[in-house]
């Protein structure tokens, strides 16, 4: 089946959360979360390096929605079920439909840290990708210095396959950094 024809549910649910595609109109809540979390996000994410207006965030969301429709990238927002609070963003990125390989990325609103929401979302998204998209491989990549981020794949049973040395630049672009590559693979029966 062609990827563009693959359906995507309105939401993916876990015990405490629901996740849904990032939609036009989400700019205000995402902008508020970025502003509240900017000190933490600046350490690790290039998009947080320059100040963005609510309109800038909305424009980025609309662009990502186009990629979502084309099945090129899935940007997904995370909400707490009990009160519909936006707690972060995740997604399936760097998609290779031939291999059925996906990379999970994530960031959380720092006002909701230390509740396990991002780990719960990553676990739910991993399960979803294996079951809904018949994924063969799911990766989570992070800077080894980002200890909080690396705890998530470790907690979820991803294997550290290696560390790519001098693989990327720091979020602010000033120094070379390494990248940890964690993966979970589908064990296929031999043919």
N, C-alpha and C. Protein backbone atom coordinates (compact mmCIF):
# COMPACT_ATOMS: atom_id res chain seq x y z
N UNK A 1 0.83 -1.19 0.00
CA UNK A 1 0.00 0.00 0.00
C UNK A 1 0.88 1.25 0.00
N UNK A 2 0.43 2.25 -0.71
CA UNK A 2 1.15 3.52 -0.74
C UNK A 2 0.99 4.22 0.60
N UNK A 3 2.09 4.76 1.16
CA UNK A 3 2.01 5.42 2.47
C UNK A 3 0.95 6.50 2.55
N UNK A 4 0.74 7.24 1.48
CA UNK A 4 -0.22 8.34 1.53
C UNK A 4 -1.65 7.84 1.77
N UNK A 5 -1.89 6.56 1.49
CA UNK A 5 -3.22 5.98 1.68
C UNK A 5 -3.41 5.33 3.04
N UNK A 6 -2.37 5.30 3.85
CA UNK A 6 -2.48 4.69 5.16
C UNK A 6 -3.22 5.64 6.11
N UNK A 7 -4.26 5.11 6.72
CA UNK A 7 -5.03 5.91 7.67
C UNK A 7 -4.26 6.13 8.96
N UNK A 8 -4.57 7.22 9.62
CA UNK A 8 -3.99 7.55 10.92
C UNK A 8 -5.15 7.86 11.84
N UNK A 9 -5.19 7.28 13.03
CA UNK A 9 -6.34 7.52 13.91
C UNK A 9 -6.39 8.97 14.41
N UNK A 10 -7.59 9.37 14.86
CA UNK A 10 -7.75 10.71 15.41
C UNK A 10 -6.89 10.89 16.66
N UNK A 11 -6.77 9.82 17.45
CA UNK A 11 -5.89 9.89 18.61
C UNK A 11 -5.38 8.52 18.99
N UNK A 12 -4.26 8.55 19.69
CA UNK A 12 -3.63 7.36 20.25
C UNK A 12 -3.70 7.54 21.76
N UNK A 13 -4.17 6.54 22.47
CA UNK A 13 -4.35 6.68 23.91
C UNK A 13 -3.42 5.77 24.70
N UNK A 14 -2.98 6.28 25.85
CA UNK A 14 -2.25 5.50 26.84
C UNK A 14 -3.05 5.64 28.14
N UNK A 15 -2.53 5.16 29.23
CA UNK A 15 -3.26 5.20 30.50
C UNK A 15 -3.67 6.62 30.89
N UNK A 16 -2.73 7.57 30.82
CA UNK A 16 -3.02 8.93 31.29
C UNK A 16 -3.07 9.97 30.20
N UNK A 17 -2.73 9.58 28.98
CA UNK A 17 -2.54 10.55 27.91
C UNK A 17 -3.32 10.20 26.66
N UNK A 18 -3.50 11.21 25.84
CA UNK A 18 -3.88 10.94 24.45
C UNK A 18 -2.97 11.78 23.57
N UNK A 19 -2.70 11.25 22.40
CA UNK A 19 -1.85 11.93 21.43
C UNK A 19 -2.64 12.07 20.14
N UNK A 20 -2.48 13.22 19.52
CA UNK A 20 -3.16 13.44 18.25
C UNK A 20 -2.23 14.22 17.33
N UNK A 21 -2.48 14.15 16.02
CA UNK A 21 -1.64 14.90 15.09
C UNK A 21 -1.63 16.40 15.43
N UNK A 22 -0.49 17.03 15.24
CA UNK A 22 -0.40 18.49 15.38
C UNK A 22 -1.27 19.11 14.29
N UNK A 23 -2.08 20.05 14.68
CA UNK A 23 -3.08 20.61 13.76
C UNK A 23 -2.92 22.12 13.62
N UNK A 24 -3.33 22.65 12.47
CA UNK A 24 -3.43 24.10 12.36
C UNK A 24 -4.30 24.61 13.50
N UNK A 25 -3.87 25.70 14.12
CA UNK A 25 -4.59 26.26 15.26
C UNK A 25 -3.96 25.91 16.60
N UNK A 26 -2.98 25.00 16.60
CA UNK A 26 -2.31 24.61 17.84
C UNK A 26 -1.20 25.58 18.25
N UNK A 27 -0.92 26.58 17.43
CA UNK A 27 0.21 27.47 17.66
C UNK A 27 0.24 28.13 19.03
N UNK A 28 -0.90 28.56 19.52
CA UNK A 28 -0.95 29.27 20.80
C UNK A 28 -0.49 28.37 21.95
N UNK A 29 -1.04 27.16 22.06
CA UNK A 29 -0.66 26.29 23.19
C UNK A 29 0.79 25.82 23.09
N UNK A 30 1.24 25.57 21.87
CA UNK A 30 2.62 25.12 21.69
C UNK A 30 3.58 26.27 22.00
N UNK A 31 3.24 27.47 21.55
CA UNK A 31 4.07 28.64 21.82
C UNK A 31 4.19 28.87 23.33
N UNK A 32 3.07 28.76 24.05
CA UNK A 32 3.10 28.93 25.51
C UNK A 32 4.01 27.89 26.16
N UNK A 33 3.96 26.65 25.70
CA UNK A 33 4.82 25.59 26.26
C UNK A 33 6.29 25.85 25.96
N UNK A 34 6.57 26.33 24.76
CA UNK A 34 7.96 26.65 24.40
C UNK A 34 8.48 27.77 25.29
N UNK A 35 7.71 28.83 25.45
CA UNK A 35 8.13 29.96 26.29
C UNK A 35 8.38 29.48 27.72
N UNK A 36 7.48 28.66 28.25
CA UNK A 36 7.63 28.17 29.63
C UNK A 36 8.83 27.24 29.79
N UNK A 37 9.26 26.62 28.70
CA UNK A 37 10.31 25.59 28.76
C UNK A 37 11.60 26.00 28.08
N UNK A 38 11.69 27.25 27.66
CA UNK A 38 12.79 27.68 26.79
C UNK A 38 14.17 27.41 27.36
N UNK A 39 14.38 27.59 28.65
CA UNK A 39 15.71 27.37 29.22
C UNK A 39 16.16 25.93 29.04
N UNK A 40 15.27 24.98 29.24
CA UNK A 40 15.62 23.57 29.05
C UNK A 40 15.72 23.21 27.58
N UNK A 41 14.79 23.68 26.76
CA UNK A 41 14.79 23.34 25.34
C UNK A 41 16.02 23.87 24.61
N UNK A 42 16.49 25.06 25.00
CA UNK A 42 17.66 25.66 24.34
C UNK A 42 18.90 24.78 24.42
N UNK A 43 19.01 24.00 25.49
CA UNK A 43 20.18 23.14 25.66
C UNK A 43 20.27 22.07 24.58
N UNK A 44 19.11 21.63 24.05
CA UNK A 44 19.11 20.43 23.21
C UNK A 44 18.50 20.59 21.83
N UNK A 45 17.67 21.61 21.61
CA UNK A 45 16.91 21.67 20.36
C UNK A 45 17.19 22.92 19.54
N UNK A 46 17.57 22.73 18.29
CA UNK A 46 17.87 23.88 17.43
C UNK A 46 16.71 24.87 17.28
N UNK A 47 15.46 24.37 17.24
CA UNK A 47 14.34 25.29 17.04
C UNK A 47 14.20 26.29 18.19
N UNK A 48 14.75 25.97 19.35
CA UNK A 48 14.62 26.85 20.52
C UNK A 48 15.73 27.91 20.58
N UNK A 49 16.61 27.94 19.61
CA UNK A 49 17.74 28.87 19.64
C UNK A 49 17.36 30.31 19.32
N UNK A 50 16.30 30.47 18.54
CA UNK A 50 15.88 31.85 18.24
C UNK A 50 14.46 32.05 18.72
N UNK A 51 14.20 33.24 19.16
CA UNK A 51 12.87 33.56 19.68
C UNK A 51 11.84 33.43 18.55
N UNK A 52 10.76 32.76 18.86
CA UNK A 52 9.69 32.58 17.88
C UNK A 52 8.42 33.24 18.40
N UNK A 53 7.71 33.86 17.50
CA UNK A 53 6.41 34.42 17.86
C UNK A 53 5.37 33.30 17.77
N UNK A 54 4.19 33.60 18.26
CA UNK A 54 3.09 32.63 18.13
C UNK A 54 2.80 32.34 16.66
N UNK A 55 2.92 33.37 15.82
CA UNK A 55 2.71 33.19 14.38
C UNK A 55 3.77 32.29 13.77
N UNK A 56 5.03 32.42 14.20
CA UNK A 56 6.11 31.55 13.71
C UNK A 56 5.82 30.09 14.04
N UNK A 57 5.38 29.86 15.28
CA UNK A 57 5.07 28.50 15.71
C UNK A 57 3.90 27.95 14.90
N UNK A 58 2.88 28.77 14.71
CA UNK A 58 1.72 28.34 13.93
C UNK A 58 2.12 28.01 12.49
N UNK A 59 2.99 28.82 11.90
CA UNK A 59 3.45 28.55 10.53
C UNK A 59 4.19 27.22 10.47
N UNK A 60 5.02 26.93 11.46
CA UNK A 60 5.73 25.65 11.51
C UNK A 60 4.78 24.48 11.66
N UNK A 61 3.73 24.66 12.47
CA UNK A 61 2.74 23.60 12.63
C UNK A 61 1.99 23.33 11.32
N UNK A 62 1.67 24.38 10.59
CA UNK A 62 0.96 24.19 9.32
C UNK A 62 1.85 23.47 8.31
N UNK A 63 3.13 23.79 8.32
CA UNK A 63 4.06 23.09 7.42
C UNK A 63 4.13 21.61 7.82
N UNK A 64 4.21 21.34 9.12
CA UNK A 64 4.29 19.95 9.56
C UNK A 64 2.98 19.21 9.27
N UNK A 65 1.86 19.92 9.28
CA UNK A 65 0.59 19.29 8.94
C UNK A 65 0.59 18.84 7.47
N UNK A 66 1.19 19.64 6.62
CA UNK A 66 1.33 19.24 5.21
C UNK A 66 2.16 17.96 5.08
N UNK A 67 3.25 17.88 5.84
CA UNK A 67 4.08 16.67 5.83
C UNK A 67 3.30 15.48 6.39
N UNK A 68 2.45 15.74 7.39
CA UNK A 68 1.62 14.68 7.96
C UNK A 68 0.67 14.12 6.90
N UNK A 69 0.00 14.99 6.19
CA UNK A 69 -0.94 14.55 5.15
C UNK A 69 -0.23 13.72 4.08
N UNK A 70 0.98 14.11 3.73
CA UNK A 70 1.76 13.39 2.72
C UNK A 70 2.43 12.13 3.28
N UNK A 71 2.31 11.93 4.61
CA UNK A 71 2.90 10.77 5.31
C UNK A 71 4.42 10.79 5.24
N UNK A 72 4.99 12.01 5.24
CA UNK A 72 6.45 12.18 5.23
C UNK A 72 7.00 12.32 6.64
N UNK A 73 6.19 12.80 7.56
CA UNK A 73 6.60 13.03 8.94
C UNK A 73 5.34 13.14 9.78
N UNK A 74 5.38 12.60 10.99
CA UNK A 74 4.21 12.65 11.86
C UNK A 74 4.55 13.43 13.13
N UNK A 75 4.16 14.68 13.18
CA UNK A 75 4.32 15.49 14.39
C UNK A 75 3.05 15.30 15.21
N UNK A 76 3.23 14.91 16.46
CA UNK A 76 2.10 14.51 17.30
C UNK A 76 2.16 15.26 18.62
N UNK A 77 1.02 15.76 19.07
CA UNK A 77 0.95 16.48 20.33
C UNK A 77 0.40 15.58 21.43
N UNK A 78 0.91 15.80 22.63
CA UNK A 78 0.60 14.98 23.79
C UNK A 78 -0.25 15.78 24.77
N UNK A 79 -1.37 15.20 25.18
CA UNK A 79 -2.29 15.85 26.11
C UNK A 79 -2.59 14.93 27.28
N UNK A 80 -2.77 15.52 28.43
CA UNK A 80 -3.17 14.78 29.62
C UNK A 80 -4.69 14.57 29.56
N UNK A 81 -5.13 13.34 29.74
CA UNK A 81 -6.56 13.03 29.65
C UNK A 81 -7.39 13.77 30.69
N UNK A 82 -6.88 13.87 31.91
CA UNK A 82 -7.70 14.39 33.01
C UNK A 82 -8.16 15.83 32.80
N UNK A 83 -7.36 16.64 32.07
CA UNK A 83 -7.73 18.04 31.91
C UNK A 83 -7.39 18.63 30.54
N UNK A 84 -7.01 17.77 29.60
CA UNK A 84 -6.65 18.20 28.23
C UNK A 84 -5.47 19.16 28.19
N UNK A 85 -4.62 19.13 29.22
CA UNK A 85 -3.43 20.00 29.23
C UNK A 85 -2.42 19.49 28.21
N UNK A 86 -1.88 20.40 27.40
CA UNK A 86 -0.80 20.07 26.46
C UNK A 86 0.47 19.86 27.28
N UNK A 87 1.08 18.67 27.19
CA UNK A 87 2.27 18.38 27.99
C UNK A 87 3.53 18.20 27.17
N UNK A 88 3.40 18.14 25.84
CA UNK A 88 4.60 18.00 25.03
C UNK A 88 4.30 17.59 23.60
N UNK A 89 5.38 17.34 22.90
CA UNK A 89 5.30 16.99 21.49
C UNK A 89 6.17 15.77 21.24
N UNK A 90 5.72 14.94 20.34
CA UNK A 90 6.47 13.76 19.95
C UNK A 90 6.26 13.57 18.46
N UNK A 91 6.65 12.46 17.94
CA UNK A 91 6.39 12.21 16.53
C UNK A 91 7.21 11.07 15.99
N UNK A 92 6.85 10.70 14.77
CA UNK A 92 7.60 9.70 14.01
C UNK A 92 8.27 10.45 12.87
N UNK A 93 9.59 10.41 12.86
CA UNK A 93 10.38 11.21 11.93
C UNK A 93 11.35 10.32 11.16
N UNK A 94 12.01 10.93 10.17
CA UNK A 94 13.00 10.23 9.34
C UNK A 94 12.47 8.87 8.90
N UNK A 95 11.28 8.91 8.36
CA UNK A 95 10.55 7.70 7.98
C UNK A 95 11.14 7.08 6.71
N UNK A 96 11.34 5.78 6.74
CA UNK A 96 11.71 5.02 5.55
C UNK A 96 10.62 3.96 5.37
N UNK A 97 9.69 4.22 4.45
CA UNK A 97 8.55 3.32 4.27
C UNK A 97 8.96 1.98 3.69
N UNK A 98 10.04 1.94 2.90
CA UNK A 98 10.48 0.65 2.32
C UNK A 98 10.96 -0.29 3.42
N UNK A 99 11.71 0.25 4.36
CA UNK A 99 12.22 -0.54 5.48
C UNK A 99 11.19 -0.63 6.60
N UNK A 100 10.29 0.34 6.63
CA UNK A 100 9.34 0.53 7.74
C UNK A 100 10.11 0.87 9.01
N UNK A 101 10.89 1.94 8.86
CA UNK A 101 11.74 2.43 9.94
C UNK A 101 11.28 3.83 10.32
N UNK A 102 11.25 4.10 11.63
CA UNK A 102 10.79 5.38 12.16
C UNK A 102 11.72 5.82 13.28
N UNK A 103 11.85 7.12 13.44
CA UNK A 103 12.58 7.66 14.59
C UNK A 103 11.60 8.46 15.44
N UNK A 104 11.61 8.19 16.74
CA UNK A 104 10.76 8.92 17.66
C UNK A 104 11.56 10.09 18.24
N UNK A 105 10.97 11.26 18.16
CA UNK A 105 11.53 12.43 18.81
C UNK A 105 10.53 12.93 19.84
N UNK A 106 10.98 13.75 20.77
CA UNK A 106 10.07 14.25 21.80
C UNK A 106 10.66 15.44 22.52
N UNK A 107 9.80 16.26 23.07
CA UNK A 107 10.15 17.29 24.04
C UNK A 107 8.92 17.53 24.92
N UNK A 108 9.18 17.93 26.15
CA UNK A 108 8.09 18.13 27.08
C UNK A 108 8.04 19.55 27.60
N UNK A 109 6.84 19.97 27.93
CA UNK A 109 6.63 21.25 28.60
C UNK A 109 7.21 21.09 30.01
N UNK A 110 8.17 21.93 30.37
CA UNK A 110 8.87 21.76 31.65
C UNK A 110 7.95 21.92 32.86
N UNK A 111 6.78 22.52 32.68
CA UNK A 111 5.83 22.64 33.78
C UNK A 111 5.24 21.28 34.18
N UNK A 112 5.42 20.28 33.33
CA UNK A 112 4.86 18.95 33.60
C UNK A 112 5.95 17.88 33.72
N UNK A 113 7.20 18.30 33.90
CA UNK A 113 8.31 17.35 34.03
C UNK A 113 8.17 16.48 35.26
N UNK A 114 8.90 15.38 35.22
CA UNK A 114 9.02 14.45 36.35
C UNK A 114 7.71 13.73 36.67
N UNK A 115 6.85 13.59 35.67
CA UNK A 115 5.62 12.83 35.81
C UNK A 115 5.59 11.60 34.92
N UNK A 116 6.64 11.41 34.11
CA UNK A 116 6.70 10.26 33.23
C UNK A 116 5.85 10.37 31.98
N UNK A 117 5.35 11.57 31.68
CA UNK A 117 4.48 11.72 30.52
C UNK A 117 5.19 11.45 29.20
N UNK A 118 6.41 11.94 29.06
CA UNK A 118 7.10 11.75 27.79
C UNK A 118 7.47 10.28 27.59
N UNK A 119 7.89 9.62 28.64
CA UNK A 119 8.18 8.18 28.53
C UNK A 119 6.91 7.40 28.18
N UNK A 120 5.80 7.76 28.81
CA UNK A 120 4.53 7.08 28.52
C UNK A 120 4.12 7.31 27.07
N UNK A 121 4.29 8.53 26.59
CA UNK A 121 3.96 8.84 25.20
C UNK A 121 4.87 8.08 24.24
N UNK A 122 6.17 8.04 24.53
CA UNK A 122 7.11 7.32 23.66
C UNK A 122 6.79 5.82 23.63
N UNK A 123 6.41 5.27 24.77
CA UNK A 123 6.05 3.86 24.82
C UNK A 123 4.78 3.61 23.99
N UNK A 124 3.79 4.47 24.15
CA UNK A 124 2.56 4.32 23.37
C UNK A 124 2.78 4.48 21.89
N UNK A 125 3.64 5.42 21.51
CA UNK A 125 3.93 5.65 20.09
C UNK A 125 4.73 4.48 19.50
N UNK A 126 5.62 3.90 20.30
CA UNK A 126 6.38 2.73 19.85
C UNK A 126 5.42 1.58 19.56
N UNK A 127 4.54 1.30 20.50
CA UNK A 127 3.55 0.23 20.33
C UNK A 127 2.70 0.49 19.10
N UNK A 128 2.25 1.73 18.95
CA UNK A 128 1.43 2.11 17.80
C UNK A 128 2.17 1.85 16.48
N UNK A 129 3.43 2.27 16.39
CA UNK A 129 4.19 2.11 15.15
C UNK A 129 4.38 0.63 14.79
N UNK A 130 4.65 -0.20 15.78
CA UNK A 130 4.79 -1.63 15.51
C UNK A 130 3.46 -2.25 15.08
N UNK A 131 2.38 -1.88 15.73
CA UNK A 131 1.09 -2.50 15.44
C UNK A 131 0.39 -1.90 14.23
N UNK A 132 0.38 -0.57 14.12
CA UNK A 132 -0.39 0.09 13.06
C UNK A 132 0.37 0.18 11.74
N UNK A 133 1.66 0.44 11.81
CA UNK A 133 2.47 0.60 10.60
C UNK A 133 3.34 -0.61 10.30
N UNK A 134 3.23 -1.65 11.13
CA UNK A 134 4.04 -2.85 10.94
C UNK A 134 5.53 -2.50 10.87
N UNK A 135 5.95 -1.63 11.78
CA UNK A 135 7.34 -1.17 11.81
C UNK A 135 8.30 -2.34 12.01
N UNK A 136 9.44 -2.24 11.38
CA UNK A 136 10.53 -3.19 11.57
C UNK A 136 11.58 -2.64 12.52
N UNK A 137 11.66 -1.32 12.58
CA UNK A 137 12.70 -0.69 13.39
C UNK A 137 12.22 0.68 13.87
N UNK A 138 12.46 0.94 15.15
CA UNK A 138 12.16 2.25 15.72
C UNK A 138 13.40 2.72 16.46
N UNK A 139 13.81 3.93 16.17
CA UNK A 139 15.00 4.50 16.80
C UNK A 139 14.63 5.69 17.68
N UNK A 140 15.44 5.89 18.69
CA UNK A 140 15.44 7.13 19.46
C UNK A 140 16.89 7.57 19.52
N UNK A 141 17.15 8.77 19.06
CA UNK A 141 18.51 9.32 19.05
C UNK A 141 18.57 10.51 20.00
N UNK A 142 19.68 10.62 20.71
CA UNK A 142 19.83 11.77 21.60
C UNK A 142 21.31 12.01 21.90
N UNK A 143 21.58 13.19 22.37
CA UNK A 143 22.91 13.58 22.81
C UNK A 143 23.20 12.83 24.12
N UNK A 144 24.36 12.18 24.25
CA UNK A 144 24.65 11.46 25.49
C UNK A 144 24.68 12.37 26.73
N UNK A 145 24.87 13.67 26.51
CA UNK A 145 24.86 14.60 27.64
C UNK A 145 23.43 14.92 28.10
N UNK A 146 22.46 14.58 27.29
CA UNK A 146 21.06 14.82 27.65
C UNK A 146 20.57 13.58 28.42
N UNK A 147 20.94 13.52 29.68
CA UNK A 147 20.67 12.35 30.52
C UNK A 147 19.18 12.07 30.64
N UNK A 148 18.37 13.10 30.81
CA UNK A 148 16.93 12.89 30.94
C UNK A 148 16.35 12.24 29.68
N UNK A 149 16.81 12.67 28.53
CA UNK A 149 16.32 12.11 27.28
C UNK A 149 16.77 10.66 27.11
N UNK A 150 18.00 10.37 27.45
CA UNK A 150 18.51 9.00 27.26
C UNK A 150 17.89 8.00 28.23
N UNK A 151 17.36 8.46 29.35
CA UNK A 151 16.70 7.54 30.29
C UNK A 151 15.44 6.94 29.68
N UNK A 152 14.81 7.65 28.77
CA UNK A 152 13.54 7.18 28.21
C UNK A 152 13.72 5.90 27.39
N UNK A 153 14.59 5.87 26.38
CA UNK A 153 14.73 4.61 25.64
C UNK A 153 15.28 3.49 26.52
N UNK A 154 16.13 3.82 27.45
CA UNK A 154 16.66 2.79 28.35
C UNK A 154 15.53 2.19 29.18
N UNK A 155 14.64 3.02 29.70
CA UNK A 155 13.51 2.56 30.51
C UNK A 155 12.54 1.73 29.67
N UNK A 156 12.44 2.03 28.37
CA UNK A 156 11.48 1.35 27.50
C UNK A 156 12.05 0.11 26.83
N UNK A 157 13.28 -0.27 27.18
CA UNK A 157 13.85 -1.49 26.63
C UNK A 157 14.48 -1.36 25.26
N UNK A 158 14.74 -0.15 24.82
CA UNK A 158 15.49 0.05 23.58
C UNK A 158 16.94 -0.33 23.85
N UNK A 159 17.62 -0.83 22.84
CA UNK A 159 19.02 -1.19 22.97
C UNK A 159 19.90 -0.06 22.46
N UNK A 160 20.94 0.27 23.21
CA UNK A 160 21.91 1.24 22.73
C UNK A 160 22.78 0.51 21.71
N UNK A 161 22.62 0.85 20.45
CA UNK A 161 23.37 0.17 19.39
C UNK A 161 24.74 0.79 19.17
N UNK A 162 24.87 2.03 19.57
CA UNK A 162 26.17 2.66 19.40
C UNK A 162 26.09 4.15 19.64
N UNK A 163 27.27 4.74 19.70
CA UNK A 163 27.39 6.19 19.85
C UNK A 163 28.15 6.70 18.64
N UNK A 164 27.51 7.56 17.89
CA UNK A 164 28.14 8.16 16.71
C UNK A 164 28.96 9.35 17.20
N UNK A 165 30.26 9.27 17.05
CA UNK A 165 31.17 10.28 17.57
C UNK A 165 31.26 11.45 16.58
N UNK A 166 31.19 12.66 17.13
CA UNK A 166 31.25 13.89 16.32
C UNK A 166 30.24 13.84 15.17
N UNK A 167 29.05 13.40 15.50
CA UNK A 167 28.00 13.17 14.51
C UNK A 167 27.15 14.41 14.23
N UNK A 168 27.12 15.35 15.17
CA UNK A 168 26.24 16.50 15.00
C UNK A 168 26.83 17.70 15.72
N UNK A 169 26.13 18.80 15.57
CA UNK A 169 26.51 20.00 16.30
C UNK A 169 25.58 20.18 17.49
N UNK A 170 26.06 20.85 18.49
CA UNK A 170 25.21 21.21 19.63
C UNK A 170 24.05 22.04 19.11
N UNK A 171 23.00 22.14 19.90
CA UNK A 171 21.80 22.87 19.48
C UNK A 171 22.11 24.30 19.06
N UNK A 172 23.09 24.91 19.72
CA UNK A 172 23.45 26.29 19.36
C UNK A 172 24.49 26.35 18.23
N UNK A 173 24.92 25.19 17.74
CA UNK A 173 25.83 25.14 16.60
C UNK A 173 27.27 25.47 16.90
N UNK A 174 27.67 25.48 18.18
CA UNK A 174 29.02 25.93 18.53
C UNK A 174 30.04 24.81 18.76
N UNK A 175 29.58 23.57 18.94
CA UNK A 175 30.55 22.49 19.18
C UNK A 175 30.06 21.17 18.61
N UNK A 176 31.02 20.29 18.30
CA UNK A 176 30.69 18.95 17.84
C UNK A 176 30.14 18.13 18.99
N UNK A 177 29.15 17.31 18.69
CA UNK A 177 28.54 16.46 19.72
C UNK A 177 28.39 15.04 19.18
N UNK A 178 28.25 14.13 20.12
CA UNK A 178 28.01 12.73 19.79
C UNK A 178 26.51 12.47 19.76
N UNK A 179 26.11 11.33 19.21
CA UNK A 179 24.71 10.94 19.17
C UNK A 179 24.57 9.48 19.59
N UNK A 180 23.77 9.24 20.61
CA UNK A 180 23.42 7.87 21.00
C UNK A 180 22.31 7.38 20.08
N UNK A 181 22.45 6.15 19.59
CA UNK A 181 21.41 5.54 18.76
C UNK A 181 20.84 4.35 19.52
N UNK A 182 19.59 4.51 19.95
CA UNK A 182 18.86 3.44 20.60
C UNK A 182 17.87 2.88 19.59
N UNK A 183 17.61 1.57 19.65
CA UNK A 183 16.66 0.99 18.70
C UNK A 183 15.89 -0.16 19.35
N UNK A 184 14.70 -0.35 18.81
CA UNK A 184 13.88 -1.52 19.09
C UNK A 184 13.50 -2.06 17.72
N UNK A 185 13.68 -3.37 17.54
CA UNK A 185 13.38 -3.98 16.25
C UNK A 185 12.35 -5.07 16.42
N UNK A 186 11.61 -5.28 15.34
CA UNK A 186 10.61 -6.34 15.31
C UNK A 186 11.33 -7.62 14.95
N UNK A 187 11.14 -8.63 15.74
CA UNK A 187 11.76 -9.92 15.48
C UNK A 187 10.86 -10.68 14.49
N UNK A 188 11.31 -10.78 13.27
CA UNK A 188 10.56 -11.48 12.22
C UNK A 188 10.99 -12.94 12.19
N UNK A 189 10.03 -13.80 11.93
CA UNK A 189 10.34 -15.23 11.82
C UNK A 189 11.13 -15.45 10.53
N UNK A 190 12.12 -16.36 10.55
CA UNK A 190 12.88 -16.62 9.33
C UNK A 190 11.99 -17.16 8.21
N UNK A 191 12.32 -16.78 7.00
CA UNK A 191 11.53 -17.20 5.83
C UNK A 191 11.79 -18.63 5.47
